[in-house]
Amino acid sequence: MIRPILVRALPNYRIYLEFSDGAKGEVDLSDLAGHSVFDDWNDTAFFQQVYIGEHREVKWSNDIELCPDSLYLKLTGKTPEELFPKLRREQPHA
């Protein structure tokens, strides 16, 4: 299982991530900012408090957490089937 090993807040609602397989880089989260629970990110000090939770999640509080797998897909550009090969299904024959 690929795990996030480092997360750091960057300006403009971006985070820097490193994963256990060596993938690393920036993920832009600005599309989430200002929507619903993500209003809390308007406080720069709050956004800076990002950390990795005990279940691999990237979180800011008990109310705001993001799935590490979705962040990995966004970072690497891989498809869910590439990350989870069991999702590939053989097409039924007609």
PDB file of N, CA and C in Angstrom:
ATOM      1  N   MET A   1       0.843  -1.174   0.000  1.00  0.00           N
ATOM      2  CA  MET A   1       0.000   0.000   0.000  1.00  0.00           C
ATOM      3  C   MET A   1       0.895   1.247   0.000  1.00  0.00           C
ATOM      4  N   ILE A   2       0.623   2.138  -0.910  1.00  0.00           N
ATOM      5  CA  ILE A   2       1.378   3.385  -1.001  1.00  0.00           C
ATOM      6  C   ILE A   2       0.868   4.341   0.070  1.00  0.00           C
ATOM      7  N   ARG A   3       1.789   4.914   0.823  1.00  0.00           N
ATOM      8  CA  ARG A   3       1.415   5.800   1.928  1.00  0.00           C
ATOM      9  C   ARG A   3       2.055   7.170   1.756  1.00  0.00           C
ATOM     10  N   PRO A   4       1.349   8.217   2.171  1.00  0.00           N
ATOM     11  CA  PRO A   4       2.011   9.526   2.227  1.00  0.00           C
ATOM     12  C   PRO A   4       2.994   9.514   3.392  1.00  0.00           C
ATOM     13  N   ILE A   5       4.183  10.051   3.165  1.00  0.00           N
ATOM     14  CA  ILE A   5       5.186  10.072   4.234  1.00  0.00           C
ATOM     15  C   ILE A   5       5.538  11.501   4.640  1.00  0.00           C
ATOM     16  N   LEU A   6       5.144  12.478   3.829  1.00  0.00           N
ATOM     17  CA  LEU A   6       5.418  13.879   4.144  1.00  0.00           C
ATOM     18  C   LEU A   6       4.358  14.749   3.487  1.00  0.00           C
ATOM     19  N   VAL A   7       3.872  15.718   4.230  1.00  0.00           N
ATOM     20  CA  VAL A   7       2.961  16.724   3.670  1.00  0.00           C
ATOM     21  C   VAL A   7       3.353  18.073   4.244  1.00  0.00           C
ATOM     22  N   ARG A   8       3.313  19.078   3.381  1.00  0.00           N
ATOM     23  CA  ARG A   8       3.667  20.437   3.812  1.00  0.00           C
ATOM     24  C   ARG A   8       2.773  21.418   3.056  1.00  0.00           C
ATOM     25  N   ALA A   9       2.237  22.386   3.763  1.00  0.00           N
ATOM     26  CA  ALA A   9       1.399  23.411   3.140  1.00  0.00           C
ATOM     27  C   ALA A   9       2.256  24.388   2.353  1.00  0.00           C
ATOM     28  N   LEU A  10       1.731  24.818   1.224  1.00  0.00           N
ATOM     29  CA  LEU A  10       2.362  25.809   0.369  1.00  0.00           C
ATOM     30  C   LEU A  10       1.370  26.955   0.139  1.00  0.00           C
ATOM     31  N   PRO A  11       1.815  28.057  -0.410  1.00  0.00           N
ATOM     32  CA  PRO A  11       0.882  29.166  -0.682  1.00  0.00           C
ATOM     33  C   PRO A  11      -0.176  28.780  -1.716  1.00  0.00           C
ATOM     34  N   ASN A  12      -1.248  29.545  -1.719  1.00  0.00           N
ATOM     35  CA  ASN A  12      -2.312  29.424  -2.724  1.00  0.00           C
ATOM     36  C   ASN A  12      -3.000  28.065  -2.731  1.00  0.00           C
ATOM     37  N   TYR A  13      -3.247  27.520  -1.546  1.00  0.00           N
ATOM     38  CA  TYR A  13      -3.985  26.268  -1.381  1.00  0.00           C
ATOM     39  C   TYR A  13      -3.334  25.093  -2.098  1.00  0.00           C
ATOM     40  N   ARG A  14      -2.024  25.032  -2.027  1.00  0.00           N
ATOM     41  CA  ARG A  14      -1.276  23.911  -2.574  1.00  0.00           C
ATOM     42  C   ARG A  14      -0.597  23.185  -1.427  1.00  0.00           C
ATOM     43  N   ILE A  15      -0.362  21.899  -1.623  1.00  0.00           N
ATOM     44  CA  ILE A  15       0.404  21.126  -0.651  1.00  0.00           C
ATOM     45  C   ILE A  15       1.503  20.374  -1.388  1.00  0.00           C
ATOM     46  N   TYR A  16       2.612  20.172  -0.691  1.00  0.00           N
ATOM     47  CA  TYR A  16       3.704  19.345  -1.190  1.00  0.00           C
ATOM     48  C   TYR A  16       3.560  17.991  -0.521  1.00  0.00           C
ATOM     49  N   LEU A  17       3.607  16.922  -1.313  1.00  0.00           N
ATOM     50  CA  LEU A  17       3.452  15.567  -0.795  1.00  0.00           C
ATOM     51  C   LEU A  17       4.608  14.685  -1.246  1.00  0.00           C
ATOM     52  N   GLU A  18       4.984  13.768  -0.376  1.00  0.00           N
ATOM     53  CA  GLU A  18       5.892  12.682  -0.735  1.00  0.00           C
ATOM     54  C   GLU A  18       5.225  11.382  -0.322  1.00  0.00           C
ATOM     55  N   PHE A  19       5.327  10.376  -1.217  1.00  0.00           N
ATOM     56  CA  PHE A  19       4.725   9.079  -0.961  1.00  0.00           C
ATOM     57  C   PHE A  19       5.801   8.009  -0.825  1.00  0.00           C
ATOM     58  N   SER A  20       5.426   6.897  -0.228  1.00  0.00           N
ATOM     59  CA  SER A  20       6.371   5.826   0.079  1.00  0.00           C
ATOM     60  C   SER A  20       6.994   5.181  -1.159  1.00  0.00           C
ATOM     61  N   ASP A  21       6.398   5.354  -2.342  1.00  0.00           N
ATOM     62  CA  ASP A  21       6.972   4.788  -3.562  1.00  0.00           C
ATOM     63  C   ASP A  21       7.918   5.758  -4.264  1.00  0.00           C
ATOM     64  N   GLY A  22       8.158   6.924  -3.661  1.00  0.00           N
ATOM     65  CA  GLY A  22       9.057   7.908  -4.238  1.00  0.00           C
ATOM     66  C   GLY A  22       8.366   9.028  -4.997  1.00  0.00           C
ATOM     67  N   ALA A  23       7.083   8.898  -5.253  1.00  0.00           N
ATOM     68  CA  ALA A  23       6.346   9.976  -5.931  1.00  0.00           C
ATOM     69  C   ALA A  23       6.323  11.192  -5.020  1.00  0.00           C
ATOM     70  N   LYS A  24       6.562  12.373  -5.602  1.00  0.00           N
ATOM     71  CA  LYS A  24       6.531  13.594  -4.806  1.00  0.00           C
ATOM     72  C   LYS A  24       6.245  14.773  -5.714  1.00  0.00           C
ATOM     73  N   GLY A  25       5.677  15.801  -5.116  1.00  0.00           N
ATOM     74  CA  GLY A  25       5.372  17.005  -5.869  1.00  0.00           C
ATOM     75  C   GLY A  25       4.245  17.783  -5.226  1.00  0.00           C
ATOM     76  N   GLU A  26       3.767  18.767  -5.962  1.00  0.00           N
ATOM     77  CA  GLU A  26       2.733  19.669  -5.461  1.00  0.00           C
ATOM     78  C   GLU A  26       1.362  19.282  -5.994  1.00  0.00           C
ATOM     79  N   VAL A  27       0.362  19.446  -5.127  1.00  0.00           N
ATOM     80  CA  VAL A  27      -1.026  19.231  -5.511  1.00  0.00           C
ATOM     81  C   VAL A  27      -1.781  20.528  -5.241  1.00  0.00           C
ATOM     82  N   ASP A  28      -2.488  21.002  -6.241  1.00  0.00           N
ATOM     83  CA  ASP A  28      -3.271  22.232  -6.138  1.00  0.00           C
ATOM     84  C   ASP A  28      -4.667  21.891  -5.631  1.00  0.00           C
ATOM     85  N   LEU A  29      -5.035  22.448  -4.486  1.00  0.00           N
ATOM     86  CA  LEU A  29      -6.344  22.208  -3.887  1.00  0.00           C
ATOM     87  C   LEU A  29      -7.238  23.444  -3.962  1.00  0.00           C
ATOM     88  N   SER A  30      -6.849  24.418  -4.764  1.00  0.00           N
ATOM     89  CA  SER A  30      -7.590  25.684  -4.812  1.00  0.00           C
ATOM     90  C   SER A  30      -9.028  25.508  -5.281  1.00  0.00           C
ATOM     91  N   ASP A  31      -9.313  24.425  -6.020  1.00  0.00           N
ATOM     92  CA  ASP A  31     -10.687  24.189  -6.459  1.00  0.00           C
ATOM     93  C   ASP A  31     -11.615  23.848  -5.288  1.00  0.00           C
ATOM     94  N   LEU A  32     -11.058  23.421  -4.165  1.00  0.00           N
ATOM     95  CA  LEU A  32     -11.856  23.106  -2.976  1.00  0.00           C
ATOM     96  C   LEU A  32     -12.016  24.305  -2.042  1.00  0.00           C
ATOM     97  N   ALA A  33     -11.074  25.206  -2.084  1.00  0.00           N
ATOM     98  CA  ALA A  33     -11.042  26.343  -1.139  1.00  0.00           C
ATOM     99  C   ALA A  33     -12.325  27.163  -1.243  1.00  0.00           C
ATOM    100  N   GLY A  34     -12.842  27.525  -0.071  1.00  0.00           N
ATOM    101  CA  GLY A  34     -14.011  28.381  -0.005  1.00  0.00           C
ATOM    102  C   GLY A  34     -15.334  27.657  -0.143  1.00  0.00           C
ATOM    103  N   HIS A  35     -15.307  26.342  -0.285  1.00  0.00           N
ATOM    104  CA  HIS A  35     -16.533  25.558  -0.425  1.00  0.00           C
ATOM    105  C   HIS A  35     -16.793  24.760   0.842  1.00  0.00           C
ATOM    106  N   SER A  36     -17.957  24.959   1.430  1.00  0.00           N
ATOM    107  CA  SER A  36     -18.423  24.186   2.583  1.00  0.00           C
ATOM    108  C   SER A  36     -17.373  24.168   3.705  1.00  0.00           C
ATOM    109  N   VAL A  37     -16.955  22.979   4.142  1.00  0.00           N
ATOM    110  CA  VAL A  37     -16.006  22.888   5.259  1.00  0.00           C
ATOM    111  C   VAL A  37     -14.654  23.492   4.912  1.00  0.00           C
ATOM    112  N   PHE A  38     -14.354  23.616   3.632  1.00  0.00           N
ATOM    113  CA  PHE A  38     -13.063  24.152   3.221  1.00  0.00           C
ATOM    114  C   PHE A  38     -12.969  25.666   3.404  1.00  0.00           C
ATOM    115  N   ASP A  39     -14.045  26.295   3.880  1.00  0.00           N
ATOM    116  CA  ASP A  39     -13.986  27.717   4.245  1.00  0.00           C
ATOM    117  C   ASP A  39     -12.914  27.965   5.303  1.00  0.00           C
ATOM    118  N   ASP A  40     -12.656  26.963   6.140  1.00  0.00           N
ATOM    119  CA  ASP A  40     -11.641  27.110   7.188  1.00  0.00           C
ATOM    120  C   ASP A  40     -10.262  27.383   6.611  1.00  0.00           C
ATOM    121  N   TRP A  41     -10.024  26.976   5.364  1.00  0.00           N
ATOM    122  CA  TRP A  41      -8.733  27.221   4.731  1.00  0.00           C
ATOM    123  C   TRP A  41      -8.482  28.698   4.476  1.00  0.00           C
ATOM    124  N   ASN A  42      -9.516  29.522   4.543  1.00  0.00           N
ATOM    125  CA  ASN A  42      -9.321  30.964   4.350  1.00  0.00           C
ATOM    126  C   ASN A  42      -8.406  31.542   5.425  1.00  0.00           C
ATOM    127  N   ASP A  43      -8.299  30.867   6.547  1.00  0.00           N
ATOM    128  CA  ASP A  43      -7.349  31.229   7.598  1.00  0.00           C
ATOM    129  C   ASP A  43      -6.020  30.552   7.253  1.00  0.00           C
ATOM    130  N   THR A  44      -5.063  31.335   6.806  1.00  0.00           N
ATOM    131  CA  THR A  44      -3.771  30.803   6.372  1.00  0.00           C
ATOM    132  C   THR A  44      -3.116  29.960   7.454  1.00  0.00           C
ATOM    133  N   ALA A  45      -3.212  30.385   8.692  1.00  0.00           N
ATOM    134  CA  ALA A  45      -2.604  29.621   9.793  1.00  0.00           C
ATOM    135  C   ALA A  45      -3.242  28.234   9.914  1.00  0.00           C
ATOM    136  N   PHE A  46      -4.547  28.152   9.671  1.00  0.00           N
ATOM    137  CA  PHE A  46      -5.239  26.869   9.721  1.00  0.00           C
ATOM    138  C   PHE A  46      -4.745  25.965   8.591  1.00  0.00           C
ATOM    139  N   PHE A  47      -4.644  26.493   7.386  1.00  0.00           N
ATOM    140  CA  PHE A  47      -4.202  25.696   6.243  1.00  0.00           C
ATOM    141  C   PHE A  47      -2.792  25.146   6.474  1.00  0.00           C
ATOM    142  N   GLN A  48      -1.951  25.919   7.148  1.00  0.00           N
ATOM    143  CA  GLN A  48      -0.575  25.507   7.434  1.00  0.00           C
ATOM    144  C   GLN A  48      -0.502  24.305   8.380  1.00  0.00           C
ATOM    145  N   GLN A  49      -1.588  23.982   9.064  1.00  0.00           N
ATOM    146  CA  GLN A  49      -1.583  22.915  10.066  1.00  0.00           C
ATOM    147  C   GLN A  49      -1.809  21.514   9.480  1.00  0.00           C
ATOM    148  N   VAL A  50      -1.670  21.347   8.192  1.00  0.00           N
ATOM    149  CA  VAL A  50      -1.896  20.054   7.546  1.00  0.00           C
ATOM    150  C   VAL A  50      -0.943  18.997   8.105  1.00  0.00           C
ATOM    151  N   TYR A  51      -1.446  17.773   8.223  1.00  0.00           N
ATOM    152  CA  TYR A  51      -0.624  16.670   8.718  1.00  0.00           C
ATOM    153  C   TYR A  51      -1.175  15.341   8.202  1.00  0.00           C
ATOM    154  N   ILE A  52      -0.421  14.277   8.388  1.00  0.00           N
ATOM    155  CA  ILE A  52      -0.852  12.939   8.002  1.00  0.00           C
ATOM    156  C   ILE A  52      -1.470  12.269   9.222  1.00  0.00           C
ATOM    157  N   GLY A  53      -2.704  11.831   9.072  1.00  0.00           N
ATOM    158  CA  GLY A  53      -3.425  11.183  10.168  1.00  0.00           C
ATOM    159  C   GLY A  53      -3.013   9.726  10.332  1.00  0.00           C
ATOM    160  N   GLU A  54      -3.532   9.101  11.352  1.00  0.00           N
ATOM    161  CA  GLU A  54      -3.139   7.734  11.685  1.00  0.00           C
ATOM    162  C   GLU A  54      -3.621   6.693  10.676  1.00  0.00           C
ATOM    163  N   HIS A  55      -4.558   7.059   9.809  1.00  0.00           N
ATOM    164  CA  HIS A  55      -5.057   6.130   8.794  1.00  0.00           C
ATOM    165  C   HIS A  55      -4.635   6.540   7.387  1.00  0.00           C
ATOM    166  N   ARG A  56      -3.501   7.228   7.265  1.00  0.00           N
ATOM    167  CA  ARG A  56      -2.913   7.686   6.004  1.00  0.00           C
ATOM    168  C   ARG A  56      -3.575   8.927   5.438  1.00  0.00           C
ATOM    169  N   GLU A  57      -4.662   9.399   6.014  1.00  0.00           N
ATOM    170  CA  GLU A  57      -5.370  10.553   5.464  1.00  0.00           C
ATOM    171  C   GLU A  57      -4.558  11.827   5.642  1.00  0.00           C
ATOM    172  N   VAL A  58      -4.751  12.761   4.733  1.00  0.00           N
ATOM    173  CA  VAL A  58      -4.133  14.081   4.843  1.00  0.00           C
ATOM    174  C   VAL A  58      -5.192  14.968   5.471  1.00  0.00           C
ATOM    175  N   LYS A  59      -4.872  15.536   6.626  1.00  0.00           N
ATOM    176  CA  LYS A  59      -5.930  16.238   7.355  1.00  0.00           C
ATOM    177  C   LYS A  59      -5.495  17.557   7.956  1.00  0.00           C
ATOM    178  N   TRP A  60      -6.509  18.333   8.266  1.00  0.00           N
ATOM    179  CA  TRP A  60      -6.341  19.627   8.920  1.00  0.00           C
ATOM    180  C   TRP A  60      -7.059  19.639  10.262  1.00  0.00           C
ATOM    181  N   SER A  61      -8.110  18.863  10.369  1.00  0.00           N
ATOM    182  CA  SER A  61      -8.902  18.777  11.596  1.00  0.00           C
ATOM    183  C   SER A  61      -9.763  17.526  11.487  1.00  0.00           C
ATOM    184  N   ASN A  62     -10.600  17.301  12.491  1.00  0.00           N
ATOM    185  CA  ASN A  62     -11.516  16.163  12.418  1.00  0.00           C
ATOM    186  C   ASN A  62     -12.577  16.369  11.340  1.00  0.00           C
ATOM    187  N   ASP A  63     -12.769  17.617  10.910  1.00  0.00           N
ATOM    188  CA  ASP A  63     -13.775  17.922   9.888  1.00  0.00           C
ATOM    189  C   ASP A  63     -13.210  17.948   8.477  1.00  0.00           C
ATOM    190  N   ILE A  64     -11.914  18.132   8.327  1.00  0.00           N
ATOM    191  CA  ILE A  64     -11.321  18.244   6.995  1.00  0.00           C
ATOM    192  C   ILE A  64     -10.189  17.236   6.839  1.00  0.00           C
ATOM    193  N   GLU A  65     -10.439  16.258   5.973  1.00  0.00           N
ATOM    194  CA  GLU A  65      -9.402  15.292   5.630  1.00  0.00           C
ATOM    195  C   GLU A  65      -9.616  14.866   4.188  1.00  0.00           C
ATOM    196  N   LEU A  66      -8.518  14.530   3.531  1.00  0.00           N
ATOM    197  CA  LEU A  66      -8.568  14.108   2.140  1.00  0.00           C
ATOM    198  C   LEU A  66      -7.958  12.722   1.996  1.00  0.00           C
ATOM    199  N   CYS A  67      -8.519  11.953   1.105  1.00  0.00           N
ATOM    200  CA  CYS A  67      -8.073  10.587   0.842  1.00  0.00           C
ATOM    201  C   CYS A  67      -6.681  10.607   0.206  1.00  0.00           C
ATOM    202  N   PRO A  68      -5.735   9.884   0.770  1.00  0.00           N
ATOM    203  CA  PRO A  68      -4.384   9.881   0.195  1.00  0.00           C
ATOM    204  C   PRO A  68      -4.348   9.275  -1.201  1.00  0.00           C
ATOM    205  N   ASP A  69      -5.221   8.324  -1.481  1.00  0.00           N
ATOM    206  CA  ASP A  69      -5.237   7.717  -2.809  1.00  0.00           C
ATOM    207  C   ASP A  69      -5.669   8.724  -3.872  1.00  0.00           C
ATOM    208  N   SER A  70      -6.674   9.536  -3.559  1.00  0.00           N
ATOM    209  CA  SER A  70      -7.113  10.539  -4.539  1.00  0.00           C
ATOM    210  C   SER A  70      -6.023  11.594  -4.750  1.00  0.00           C
ATOM    211  N   LEU A  71      -5.316  11.948  -3.693  1.00  0.00           N
ATOM    212  CA  LEU A  71      -4.212  12.899  -3.837  1.00  0.00           C
ATOM    213  C   LEU A  71      -3.073  12.289  -4.655  1.00  0.00           C
ATOM    214  N   TYR A  72      -2.811  11.013  -4.459  1.00  0.00           N
ATOM    215  CA  TYR A  72      -1.777  10.324  -5.230  1.00  0.00           C
ATOM    216  C   TYR A  72      -2.136  10.324  -6.716  1.00  0.00           C
ATOM    217  N   LEU A  73      -3.398  10.025  -7.030  1.00  0.00           N
ATOM    218  CA  LEU A  73      -3.854  10.033  -8.424  1.00  0.00           C
ATOM    219  C   LEU A  73      -3.713  11.422  -9.031  1.00  0.00           C
ATOM    220  N   LYS A  74      -4.080  12.434  -8.262  1.00  0.00           N
ATOM    221  CA  LYS A  74      -3.978  13.812  -8.755  1.00  0.00           C
ATOM    222  C   LYS A  74      -2.510  14.194  -8.985  1.00  0.00           C
ATOM    223  N   LEU A  75      -1.642  13.768  -8.096  1.00  0.00           N
ATOM    224  CA  LEU A  75      -0.219  14.086  -8.200  1.00  0.00           C
ATOM    225  C   LEU A  75       0.437  13.387  -9.385  1.00  0.00           C
ATOM    226  N   THR A  76       0.155  12.112  -9.547  1.00  0.00           N
ATOM    227  CA  THR A  76       0.857  11.309 -10.543  1.00  0.00           C
ATOM    228  C   THR A  76       0.171  11.269 -11.904  1.00  0.00           C
ATOM    229  N   GLY A  77      -1.120  11.583 -11.943  1.00  0.00           N
ATOM    230  CA  GLY A  77      -1.862  11.482 -13.193  1.00  0.00           C
ATOM    231  C   GLY A  77      -2.243  10.051 -13.546  1.00  0.00           C
ATOM    232  N   LYS A  78      -2.030   9.132 -12.625  1.00  0.00           N
ATOM    233  CA  LYS A  78      -2.399   7.739 -12.860  1.00  0.00           C
ATOM    234  C   LYS A  78      -3.914   7.575 -12.774  1.00  0.00           C
ATOM    235  N   THR A  79      -4.395   6.479 -13.333  1.00  0.00           N
ATOM    236  CA  THR A  79      -5.814   6.155 -13.251  1.00  0.00           C
ATOM    237  C   THR A  79      -6.059   5.276 -12.028  1.00  0.00           C
ATOM    238  N   PRO A  80      -7.303   5.201 -11.559  1.00  0.00           N
ATOM    239  CA  PRO A  80      -7.591   4.290 -10.442  1.00  0.00           C
ATOM    240  C   PRO A  80      -7.208   2.840 -10.768  1.00  0.00           C
ATOM    241  N   GLU A  81      -7.385   2.422 -12.016  1.00  0.00           N
ATOM    242  CA  GLU A  81      -7.038   1.055 -12.409  1.00  0.00           C
ATOM    243  C   GLU A  81      -5.538   0.804 -12.338  1.00  0.00           C
ATOM    244  N   GLU A  82      -4.735   1.831 -12.567  1.00  0.00           N
ATOM    245  CA  GLU A  82      -3.288   1.674 -12.444  1.00  0.00           C
ATOM    246  C   GLU A  82      -2.869   1.537 -10.982  1.00  0.00           C
ATOM    247  N   LEU A  83      -3.543   2.264 -10.115  1.00  0.00           N
ATOM    248  CA  LEU A  83      -3.228   2.204  -8.688  1.00  0.00           C
ATOM    249  C   LEU A  83      -3.803   0.943  -8.047  1.00  0.00           C
ATOM    250  N   PHE A  84      -4.975   0.552  -8.503  1.00  0.00           N
ATOM    251  CA  PHE A  84      -5.671  -0.621  -7.962  1.00  0.00           C
ATOM    252  C   PHE A  84      -5.976  -1.587  -9.106  1.00  0.00           C
ATOM    253  N   PRO A  85      -5.028  -2.438  -9.488  1.00  0.00           N
ATOM    254  CA  PRO A  85      -5.213  -3.329 -10.637  1.00  0.00           C
ATOM    255  C   PRO A  85      -6.450  -4.215 -10.555  1.00  0.00           C
ATOM    256  N   LYS A  86      -6.929  -4.518  -9.364  1.00  0.00           N
ATOM    257  CA  LYS A  86      -8.120  -5.370  -9.237  1.00  0.00           C
ATOM    258  C   LYS A  86      -9.378  -4.681  -9.756  1.00  0.00           C
ATOM    259  N   LEU A  87      -9.302  -3.380  -9.988  1.00  0.00           N
ATOM    260  CA  LEU A  87     -10.448  -2.661 -10.559  1.00  0.00           C
ATOM    261  C   LEU A  87     -10.652  -3.010 -12.030  1.00  0.00           C
ATOM    262  N   ARG A  88      -9.587  -3.473 -12.663  1.00  0.00           N
ATOM    263  CA  ARG A  88      -9.712  -3.856 -14.078  1.00  0.00           C
ATOM    264  C   ARG A  88     -10.555  -5.118 -14.153  1.00  0.00           C
ATOM    265  N   ARG A  89     -11.557  -5.036 -14.941  1.00  0.00           N
ATOM    266  CA  ARG A  89     -12.436  -6.198 -15.082  1.00  0.00           C
ATOM    267  C   ARG A  89     -12.405  -6.653 -16.531  1.00  0.00           C
ATOM    268  N   GLU A  90     -12.422  -7.929 -16.681  1.00  0.00           N
ATOM    269  CA  GLU A  90     -12.498  -8.469 -18.024  1.00  0.00           C
ATOM    270  C   GLU A  90     -13.906  -8.223 -18.544  1.00  0.00           C
ATOM    271  N   GLN A  91     -13.975  -7.716 -19.754  1.00  0.00           N
ATOM    272  CA  GLN A  91     -15.276  -7.416 -20.347  1.00  0.00           C
ATOM    273  C   GLN A  91     -16.005  -8.731 -20.650  1.00  0.00           C
ATOM    274  N   PRO A  92     -17.291  -8.787 -20.309  1.00  0.00           N
ATOM    275  CA  PRO A  92     -18.055 -10.010 -20.624  1.00  0.00           C
ATOM    276  C   PRO A  92     -18.173 -10.166 -22.143  1.00  0.00           C
ATOM    277  N   HIS A  93     -18.191 -11.401 -22.563  1.00  0.00           N
ATOM    278  CA  HIS A  93     -18.325 -11.695 -23.986  1.00  0.00           C
ATOM    279  C   HIS A  93     -19.790 -11.698 -24.356  1.00  0.00           C
ATOM    280  N   ALA A  94     -20.079 -11.111 -25.508  1.00  0.00           N
ATOM    281  CA  ALA A  94     -21.476 -11.037 -25.960  1.00  0.00           C
ATOM    282  C   ALA A  94     -21.944 -12.325 -26.557  1.00  0.00           C
TER     283      ALA A  94
END
